[in-house]
Amino acid sequence: MAKKRVTLADVARLAGLSSTAASMILTGRPDTRLSAEAHAKVHAAAASLGYRPNAAARALRTDKSRSIAFVSDYVATTRFASGLIRGALAAADDAGHVMLMLETGGEPAREVQAVQAALDRQVDGIIFAAMRSREVFVPDLAIPAPVVMLNGTSARFATSVLPDEYAGGQLAVKLLVEAGLKDGIVLLGHNAEEERGLFRSEQIARRLAGIRNAMASHGLNFAAELSRWNWEPAHGYDLVSKLLRSERPRGLLCLNDRLAFGAYQAIGEAGLSIPGDIGLVSFDNDELASYLRPGLTTIGLPHEEMGREAVRLLLGENRPASETLLPMPLLVRGSLPSA
């Protein structure tokens, strides 16, 4: 048999006070005109009985459920963006809120169900999160609660938290220049001519804009641009293997760590060394970046900080109707030569 829930009346009875007096003390109301002894008795009674406030009843009184919904596509079921959840959970806990996790798999019907489930539970706000930065589908439902977009954007809701990809792209070029790599740089993962008219995402467009503007500001040009739509290790391996049969680059600017992983394999098979023969810099700080030898210098995605910021904005009184861009952290390892 389930144990009977301890009520406010039980606390009041043990403390020898009225339920009204016990409620005022436990909710922290100022100027209760009750003695310090009364406060001590109520808190001691609550502790000894294991009393927990009834969240549903409190929500009815205060119009606040002390809960938020985290609606995502694949964030919870993959390891790539789990930092978004860790950061959001930590910030929610700091604010005294619980977080309802709702995973949709990117399916519109499940998106609708997730929003309806969140609203049925009277959450204080909703975070829509994406595993990879993109424009996020938000169901065409009335949402009478604050909304923050996390690692994505929406035409309906302007408040969003994103990595500063443009600055990250500029930083990648700066690292190559500071390492003395100004000639023979190959861009791995994108070719402007071959991909003309194609659109990956707004965030990747910003990353590329930062890279290209930084190259121009330093008076540099890529020796080659190698395009492959999917940025997976096998594609990085194939592209670099083919490249090394005809020329030897001095540096590779890889658009993500998975391409860089494949490039490492191709460089090793060719009998070349990193960074002695070829230096590399990459993006994302995928887990595998630290396992490579030498370790891969990469510009990471600030997922945990982004999760925290999304909750802070959601629960704050003033939500900017704009993007909040967070710096991308630099992880310096051993894939670039010392200047």
Protein backbone atom coordinates (compact mmCIF):
# COMPACT_ATOMS: atom_id res chain seq x y z
CA MET A 1 0.00 0.00 0.00
CA ALA A 2 1.30 3.45 -0.93
CA LYS A 3 2.36 5.62 1.95
CA LYS A 4 -0.10 8.43 2.72
CA ARG A 5 1.18 11.82 1.61
CA VAL A 6 2.05 14.17 4.46
CA THR A 7 -0.19 17.24 4.31
CA LEU A 8 0.14 20.78 5.56
CA ALA A 9 -2.52 19.94 8.17
CA ASP A 10 -0.25 17.17 9.52
CA VAL A 11 2.61 19.64 9.90
CA ALA A 12 0.38 22.19 11.60
CA ARG A 13 -1.03 19.57 13.98
CA LEU A 14 2.45 18.40 15.06
CA ALA A 15 3.63 22.01 15.50
CA GLY A 16 0.51 22.91 17.51
CA LEU A 17 -0.48 25.73 15.15
CA SER A 18 -3.20 26.42 12.59
CA SER A 19 -2.79 25.35 8.97
CA THR A 20 -2.86 29.03 7.95
CA ALA A 21 0.03 29.86 10.28
CA ALA A 22 2.04 26.83 9.09
CA SER A 23 1.45 27.80 5.46
CA MET A 24 2.63 31.38 6.00
CA ILE A 25 5.82 30.14 7.64
CA LEU A 26 6.63 27.47 5.04
CA THR A 27 5.98 29.77 2.09
CA GLY A 28 8.28 32.39 3.57
CA ARG A 29 5.71 35.16 3.81
CA PRO A 30 7.23 38.25 5.41
CA ASP A 31 5.80 39.80 8.57
CA THR A 32 3.76 36.79 9.67
CA ARG A 33 3.66 38.26 13.20
CA LEU A 34 4.47 34.78 14.46
CA SER A 35 7.24 34.15 16.95
CA ALA A 36 10.65 32.68 16.22
CA GLU A 37 9.58 29.71 18.34
CA ALA A 38 6.59 29.13 16.06
CA HIS A 39 8.83 29.24 12.98
CA ALA A 40 11.20 26.74 14.55
CA LYS A 41 8.35 24.36 15.48
CA VAL A 42 6.86 24.39 11.98
CA HIS A 43 10.19 23.77 10.24
CA ALA A 44 11.05 21.00 12.71
CA ALA A 45 7.66 19.35 12.17
CA ALA A 46 8.01 19.56 8.36
CA ALA A 47 11.47 17.99 8.54
CA SER A 48 10.46 15.17 10.87
CA LEU A 49 7.40 14.27 8.78
CA GLY A 50 9.19 14.55 5.43
CA TYR A 51 6.69 17.14 4.22
CA ARG A 52 6.82 18.24 0.57
CA PRO A 53 4.57 21.01 -0.78
CA ASN A 54 1.84 19.92 -3.16
CA ALA A 55 3.09 21.23 -6.48
CA ALA A 56 -0.31 21.05 -8.19
CA ALA A 57 -2.00 23.02 -5.42
CA ARG A 58 0.79 25.58 -5.39
CA ALA A 59 0.49 25.99 -9.17
CA LEU A 60 -3.21 26.78 -8.80
CA ARG A 61 -2.45 29.43 -6.15
CA THR A 62 0.52 31.06 -7.85
CA ASP A 63 -0.17 30.35 -11.56
CA LYS A 64 3.35 28.86 -11.66
CA SER A 65 4.08 25.15 -12.03
CA ARG A 66 7.84 25.48 -11.39
CA SER A 67 8.37 23.30 -14.47
CA ILE A 68 9.62 23.85 -18.01
CA ALA A 69 9.43 21.71 -21.14
CA PHE A 70 12.45 20.78 -23.23
CA VAL A 71 11.18 19.76 -26.68
CA SER A 72 13.86 18.42 -29.02
CA ASP A 73 14.35 16.39 -32.17
CA TYR A 74 17.19 13.96 -31.34
CA VAL A 75 19.08 15.75 -28.56
CA ALA A 76 18.18 13.25 -25.82
CA THR A 77 18.80 10.11 -27.87
CA THR A 78 22.20 10.99 -29.33
CA ARG A 79 25.49 11.95 -27.74
CA PHE A 80 26.28 14.81 -30.09
CA ALA A 81 24.34 17.56 -28.33
CA SER A 82 23.79 16.09 -24.86
CA GLY A 83 25.53 19.12 -23.36
CA LEU A 84 22.44 21.15 -24.23
CA ILE A 85 20.46 18.98 -21.82
CA ARG A 86 23.11 19.01 -19.09
CA GLY A 87 23.29 22.78 -19.12
CA ALA A 88 19.52 23.23 -19.17
CA LEU A 89 18.99 20.71 -16.37
CA ALA A 90 21.59 22.40 -14.18
CA ALA A 91 20.10 25.85 -14.73
CA ALA A 92 16.56 24.58 -14.13
CA ASP A 93 17.67 22.95 -10.89
CA ASP A 94 19.40 26.14 -9.78
CA ALA A 95 16.14 28.00 -10.39
CA GLY A 96 14.07 25.44 -8.47
CA HIS A 97 12.35 24.08 -11.56
CA VAL A 98 11.92 20.57 -12.93
CA MET A 99 12.36 19.89 -16.64
CA LEU A 100 10.00 17.79 -18.73
CA MET A 101 11.89 16.07 -21.57
CA LEU A 102 9.96 15.52 -24.80
CA GLU A 103 11.70 13.92 -27.80
CA THR A 104 10.00 14.10 -31.21
CA GLY A 105 12.42 12.55 -33.71
CA GLY A 106 11.76 15.59 -35.87
CA GLU A 107 8.29 14.32 -36.81
CA PRO A 108 5.66 17.11 -37.11
CA ALA A 109 2.87 15.00 -35.59
CA ARG A 110 4.99 14.22 -32.53
CA GLU A 111 5.96 17.90 -32.31
CA VAL A 112 2.28 18.75 -31.96
CA GLN A 113 1.77 16.05 -29.33
CA ALA A 114 4.79 17.27 -27.39
CA VAL A 115 3.58 20.86 -27.26
CA GLN A 116 0.09 19.77 -26.25
CA ALA A 117 1.52 17.56 -23.49
CA ALA A 118 3.62 20.46 -22.20
CA LEU A 119 0.68 22.86 -22.19
CA ASP A 120 -1.56 20.29 -20.49
CA ARG A 121 0.96 20.27 -17.64
CA GLN A 122 0.91 24.06 -17.43
CA VAL A 123 4.66 24.47 -17.83
CA ASP A 124 6.11 27.91 -17.18
CA GLY A 125 7.85 27.93 -20.56
CA ILE A 126 9.05 25.80 -23.48
CA ILE A 127 12.54 25.36 -24.94
CA PHE A 128 12.65 24.05 -28.50
CA ALA A 129 16.07 22.46 -29.07
CA ALA A 130 17.78 21.02 -32.14
CA MET A 131 20.66 18.55 -32.29
CA ARG A 132 22.25 20.52 -35.14
CA SER A 133 21.73 24.24 -35.68
CA ARG A 134 18.85 24.82 -38.08
CA GLU A 135 15.45 26.44 -38.46
CA VAL A 136 13.14 24.47 -36.17
CA PHE A 137 9.56 23.49 -36.97
CA VAL A 138 7.22 24.81 -34.29
CA PRO A 139 3.61 23.55 -34.50
CA ASP A 140 1.03 26.15 -35.48
CA LEU A 141 -0.62 26.05 -32.08
CA ALA A 142 -1.39 28.84 -29.66
CA ILE A 143 1.39 28.68 -27.05
CA PRO A 144 0.46 30.86 -24.05
CA ALA A 145 3.89 30.47 -22.45
CA PRO A 146 7.36 31.91 -23.03
CA VAL A 147 9.40 30.16 -25.73
CA VAL A 148 13.15 30.09 -26.33
CA MET A 149 14.79 28.44 -29.33
CA LEU A 150 17.98 26.52 -28.46
CA ASN A 151 20.55 25.75 -31.17
CA GLY A 152 17.94 26.74 -33.72
CA THR A 153 15.72 29.53 -34.96
CA SER A 154 12.04 30.01 -35.72
CA ALA A 155 10.09 32.61 -37.66
CA ARG A 156 7.47 32.53 -34.88
CA PHE A 157 9.73 33.01 -31.87
CA ALA A 158 12.63 35.44 -32.06
CA THR A 159 14.40 34.59 -28.79
CA SER A 160 17.15 32.10 -29.57
CA VAL A 161 20.49 30.88 -28.23
CA LEU A 162 23.15 29.98 -30.79
CA PRO A 163 26.91 29.47 -31.09
CA ASP A 164 28.78 32.39 -32.63
CA GLU A 165 29.73 30.51 -35.78
CA TYR A 166 30.98 33.57 -37.67
CA ALA A 167 33.55 34.35 -34.98
CA GLY A 168 34.42 30.65 -34.83
CA GLY A 169 35.18 30.61 -38.55
CA GLN A 170 37.44 33.64 -38.19
CA LEU A 171 39.25 32.00 -35.29
CA ALA A 172 40.02 28.89 -37.36
CA VAL A 173 41.84 30.96 -39.98
CA LYS A 174 43.64 32.95 -37.30
CA LEU A 175 45.00 29.72 -35.83
CA LEU A 176 46.37 28.59 -39.20
CA VAL A 177 48.04 31.96 -39.78
CA GLU A 178 49.56 32.01 -36.29
CA ALA A 179 50.92 28.50 -36.92
CA GLY A 180 52.73 29.83 -39.98
CA LEU A 181 50.40 28.10 -42.46
CA LYS A 182 49.63 30.74 -45.08
CA ASP A 183 50.11 28.72 -48.28
CA GLY A 184 48.76 25.36 -49.32
CA ILE A 185 45.62 25.51 -47.14
CA VAL A 186 42.78 23.19 -48.22
CA LEU A 187 39.16 23.64 -47.12
CA LEU A 188 37.70 20.21 -46.40
CA GLY A 189 33.93 19.83 -46.69
CA HIS A 190 32.78 22.69 -48.94
CA ASN A 191 33.38 24.09 -52.40
CA ALA A 192 31.72 27.42 -53.18
CA GLU A 193 31.31 26.73 -56.90
CA GLU A 194 30.08 23.15 -56.63
CA GLU A 195 27.57 24.07 -53.92
CA ARG A 196 26.33 27.29 -55.48
CA GLY A 197 22.60 27.62 -54.84
CA LEU A 198 22.60 24.85 -52.20
CA PHE A 199 21.80 25.59 -48.55
CA ARG A 200 23.03 23.59 -45.59
CA SER A 201 21.90 25.78 -42.68
CA GLU A 202 22.14 29.38 -41.57
CA GLN A 203 24.74 28.46 -38.97
CA ILE A 204 27.00 26.66 -41.45
CA ALA A 205 26.62 29.66 -43.78
CA ARG A 206 27.86 31.88 -40.94
CA ARG A 207 30.79 29.58 -40.23
CA LEU A 208 31.81 29.69 -43.88
CA ALA A 209 31.35 33.47 -44.04
CA GLY A 210 33.67 33.89 -41.07
CA ILE A 211 36.26 31.62 -42.71
CA ARG A 212 36.16 33.33 -46.09
CA ASN A 213 36.20 36.87 -44.72
CA ALA A 214 39.18 36.03 -42.50
CA MET A 215 41.03 34.49 -45.45
CA ALA A 216 40.40 37.64 -47.48
CA SER A 217 41.51 39.92 -44.65
CA HIS A 218 44.84 38.06 -44.48
CA GLY A 219 45.21 38.12 -48.28
CA LEU A 220 44.98 34.33 -48.47
CA ASN A 221 43.33 31.90 -50.88
CA PHE A 222 42.57 28.22 -50.52
CA ALA A 223 44.79 25.93 -52.56
CA ALA A 224 41.71 23.71 -53.00
CA GLU A 225 38.16 23.35 -51.74
CA LEU A 226 36.89 19.78 -51.43
CA SER A 227 33.13 19.31 -51.25
CA ARG A 228 31.15 16.42 -49.82
CA TRP A 229 27.59 16.87 -48.61
CA ASN A 230 27.83 14.47 -45.67
CA TRP A 231 30.64 15.28 -43.27
CA GLU A 232 31.50 11.78 -42.10
CA PRO A 233 34.91 10.12 -41.48
CA ALA A 234 34.73 7.99 -44.64
CA HIS A 235 34.22 11.11 -46.75
CA GLY A 236 37.13 12.90 -45.12
CA TYR A 237 39.31 9.86 -45.79
CA ASP A 238 38.25 9.61 -49.45
CA LEU A 239 38.74 13.30 -50.19
CA VAL A 240 42.17 13.55 -48.57
CA SER A 241 43.39 10.23 -50.01
CA LYS A 242 42.57 11.46 -53.51
CA LEU A 243 44.15 14.86 -52.81
CA LEU A 244 47.42 13.37 -51.58
CA ARG A 245 47.85 11.38 -54.79
CA SER A 246 48.35 14.63 -56.71
CA GLU A 247 49.53 17.26 -54.21
CA ARG A 248 50.58 17.78 -50.63
CA PRO A 249 48.77 20.55 -48.74
CA ARG A 250 50.43 22.30 -45.84
CA GLY A 251 47.23 22.75 -43.84
CA LEU A 252 43.69 21.43 -43.71
CA LEU A 253 40.76 23.49 -42.45
CA CYS A 254 38.15 20.79 -41.73
CA LEU A 255 34.54 21.85 -41.33
CA ASN A 256 33.92 19.28 -38.62
CA ASP A 257 35.84 16.77 -36.51
CA ARG A 258 34.43 13.75 -38.30
CA LEU A 259 35.94 14.88 -41.60
CA ALA A 260 39.17 15.50 -39.72
CA PHE A 261 39.10 11.97 -38.33
CA GLY A 262 39.03 10.55 -41.86
CA ALA A 263 41.78 12.97 -42.92
CA TYR A 264 44.01 11.66 -40.11
CA GLN A 265 43.69 8.13 -41.49
CA ALA A 266 44.51 9.19 -45.04
CA ILE A 267 47.53 11.23 -43.93
CA GLY A 268 48.86 8.33 -41.88
CA GLU A 269 48.47 5.86 -44.73
CA ALA A 270 50.41 8.23 -46.98
CA GLY A 271 53.35 8.08 -44.57
CA LEU A 272 52.96 11.73 -43.56
CA SER A 273 52.88 13.21 -40.09
CA ILE A 274 50.62 15.63 -38.21
CA PRO A 275 51.53 18.43 -37.70
CA GLY A 276 55.04 18.03 -39.15
CA ASP A 277 53.87 17.59 -42.74
CA ILE A 278 50.27 18.74 -42.53
CA GLY A 279 48.56 20.83 -39.83
CA LEU A 280 44.84 20.56 -39.10
CA VAL A 281 42.19 22.66 -37.38
CA SER A 282 38.55 21.67 -37.12
CA PHE A 283 35.16 22.39 -35.54
CA ASP A 284 32.67 20.96 -33.01
CA ASN A 285 34.88 19.26 -30.37
CA ASP A 286 33.34 15.87 -31.02
CA GLU A 287 34.39 13.32 -28.39
CA LEU A 288 36.72 11.61 -30.85
CA ALA A 289 38.80 14.80 -31.25
CA SER A 290 40.57 14.20 -27.95
CA TYR A 291 41.25 10.52 -28.75
CA LEU A 292 43.20 11.18 -31.95
CA ARG A 293 47.00 11.24 -31.75
CA PRO A 294 48.12 13.90 -31.83
CA GLY A 295 44.97 15.42 -30.36
CA LEU A 296 42.89 17.51 -32.75
CA THR A 297 42.83 21.28 -32.24
CA THR A 298 39.20 22.23 -32.66
CA ILE A 299 36.71 25.03 -32.09
CA GLY A 300 33.95 23.59 -29.94
CA LEU A 301 30.23 24.11 -29.63
CA PRO A 302 29.34 25.67 -26.23
CA HIS A 303 26.42 23.32 -25.68
CA GLU A 304 26.28 23.35 -21.87
CA GLU A 305 26.55 27.13 -21.71
CA MET A 306 23.84 27.38 -24.37
CA GLY A 307 21.50 25.14 -22.35
CA ARG A 308 22.03 27.25 -19.25
CA GLU A 309 21.45 30.48 -21.14
CA ALA A 310 18.22 29.19 -22.69
CA VAL A 311 16.76 28.46 -19.25
CA ARG A 312 17.96 31.80 -17.88
CA LEU A 313 16.26 33.65 -20.73
CA LEU A 314 13.11 31.56 -20.46
CA LEU A 315 12.64 32.27 -16.77
CA GLY A 316 13.84 35.87 -16.88
CA GLU A 317 11.56 38.86 -16.93
CA ASN A 318 13.05 40.38 -20.08
CA ARG A 319 13.54 38.07 -23.05
CA PRO A 320 15.32 39.73 -25.98
CA ALA A 321 13.48 39.36 -29.27
CA SER A 322 16.76 38.47 -30.93
CA GLU A 323 19.61 35.99 -31.05
CA THR A 324 22.00 35.46 -28.16
CA LEU A 325 25.34 34.32 -29.58
CA LEU A 326 27.75 32.49 -27.29
CA PRO A 327 31.52 32.23 -27.97
CA MET A 328 32.80 28.94 -29.34
CA PRO A 329 35.56 27.60 -27.07
CA LEU A 330 38.98 26.80 -28.49
CA LEU A 331 40.47 23.39 -27.61
CA VAL A 332 44.20 23.54 -28.39
CA ARG A 333 45.75 20.10 -28.80
CA GLY A 334 48.56 18.95 -31.07
CA SER A 335 47.41 19.10 -34.68
CA LEU A 336 48.93 22.49 -35.55
CA PRO A 337 52.66 23.26 -35.69
CA SER A 338 54.21 25.83 -33.38
CA ALA A 339 55.03 29.01 -35.27
